[in-house]
C-alpha atoms as a PDB file:
ATOM      1  CA  MET A   1       4.828  14.762   5.333  1.00  0.00           C
ATOM      2  CA  HIS A   2       1.662  12.708   5.667  1.00  0.00           C
ATOM      3  CA  PRO A   3       2.102   9.449   7.589  1.00  0.00           C
ATOM      4  CA  LEU A   4       0.489   6.201   6.522  1.00  0.00           C
ATOM      5  CA  TYR A   5      -2.168   5.159   9.003  1.00  0.00           C
ATOM      6  CA  TRP A   6      -2.881   1.538   9.896  1.00  0.00           C
ATOM      7  CA  VAL A   7      -6.455   0.438   9.168  1.00  0.00           C
ATOM      8  CA  ASP A   8      -8.347  -2.652  10.252  1.00  0.00           C
ATOM      9  CA  ASP A   9      -8.355  -5.357   7.568  1.00  0.00           C
ATOM     10  CA  LEU A  10     -11.949  -6.454   8.148  1.00  0.00           C
ATOM     11  CA  VAL A  11     -12.196  -8.621   5.003  1.00  0.00           C
ATOM     12  CA  GLY A  12      -8.749 -10.253   5.328  1.00  0.00           C
ATOM     13  CA  LEU A  13      -7.326  -8.679   2.177  1.00  0.00           C
ATOM     14  CA  ASP A  14      -3.748  -8.844   3.410  1.00  0.00           C
ATOM     15  CA  ALA A  15      -3.986 -12.616   3.938  1.00  0.00           C
ATOM     16  CA  ARG A  16      -5.462 -13.008   0.420  1.00  0.00           C
ATOM     17  CA  ARG A  17      -2.965 -10.812  -1.501  1.00  0.00           C
ATOM     18  CA  LYS A  18      -1.375 -13.766  -3.343  1.00  0.00           C
ATOM     19  CA  GLU A  19      -4.755 -15.338  -4.149  1.00  0.00           C
ATOM     20  CA  LEU A  20      -5.932 -12.009  -5.587  1.00  0.00           C
ATOM     21  CA  SER A  21      -2.685 -11.537  -7.583  1.00  0.00           C
ATOM     22  CA  LEU A  22      -1.741  -8.469  -5.537  1.00  0.00           C
ATOM     23  CA  PRO A  23       1.934  -7.760  -4.820  1.00  0.00           C
ATOM     24  CA  PRO A  24       3.162  -8.008  -1.227  1.00  0.00           C
ATOM     25  CA  ILE A  25       2.451  -4.762   0.644  1.00  0.00           C
ATOM     26  CA  ARG A  26       6.173  -3.935   0.944  1.00  0.00           C
ATOM     27  CA  GLU A  27       6.598  -4.171  -2.852  1.00  0.00           C
ATOM     28  CA  TYR A  28       3.394  -2.205  -3.455  1.00  0.00           C
ATOM     29  CA  LEU A  29       4.594   0.687  -1.319  1.00  0.00           C
ATOM     30  CA  GLN A  30       7.879   0.777  -3.239  1.00  0.00           C
ATOM     31  CA  MET A  31       6.236   0.889  -6.698  1.00  0.00           C
ATOM     32  CA  GLU A  32       7.167   3.963  -8.698  1.00  0.00           C
ATOM     33  CA  MET A  33       3.535   5.088  -8.978  1.00  0.00           C
ATOM     34  CA  MET A  34       3.028   4.974  -5.200  1.00  0.00           C
ATOM     35  CA  VAL A  35       6.360   6.677  -4.452  1.00  0.00           C
ATOM     36  CA  LYS A  36       5.469   9.548  -6.817  1.00  0.00           C
ATOM     37  CA  PHE A  37       1.972   9.867  -5.322  1.00  0.00           C
ATOM     38  CA  CYS A  38       3.296  10.026  -1.750  1.00  0.00           C
ATOM     39  CA  ALA A  39       5.963  12.561  -2.745  1.00  0.00           C
ATOM     40  CA  ALA A  40       3.329  14.756  -4.388  1.00  0.00           C
ATOM     41  CA  MET A  41       1.086  14.576  -1.296  1.00  0.00           C
ATOM     42  CA  ALA A  42       4.005  15.659   0.917  1.00  0.00           C
ATOM     43  CA  LYS A  43       4.364  18.955  -0.972  1.00  0.00           C
END
């Protein structure tokens, strides 16, 4: 399985998620599309 690696948020995207109409990171990682992608990468 491939782990998720932490990256530096140089432009402050995480703090601006709501302003940019992006879902919270926890919800994003649980989205069906992301779950399927991660499962496929683990194979």
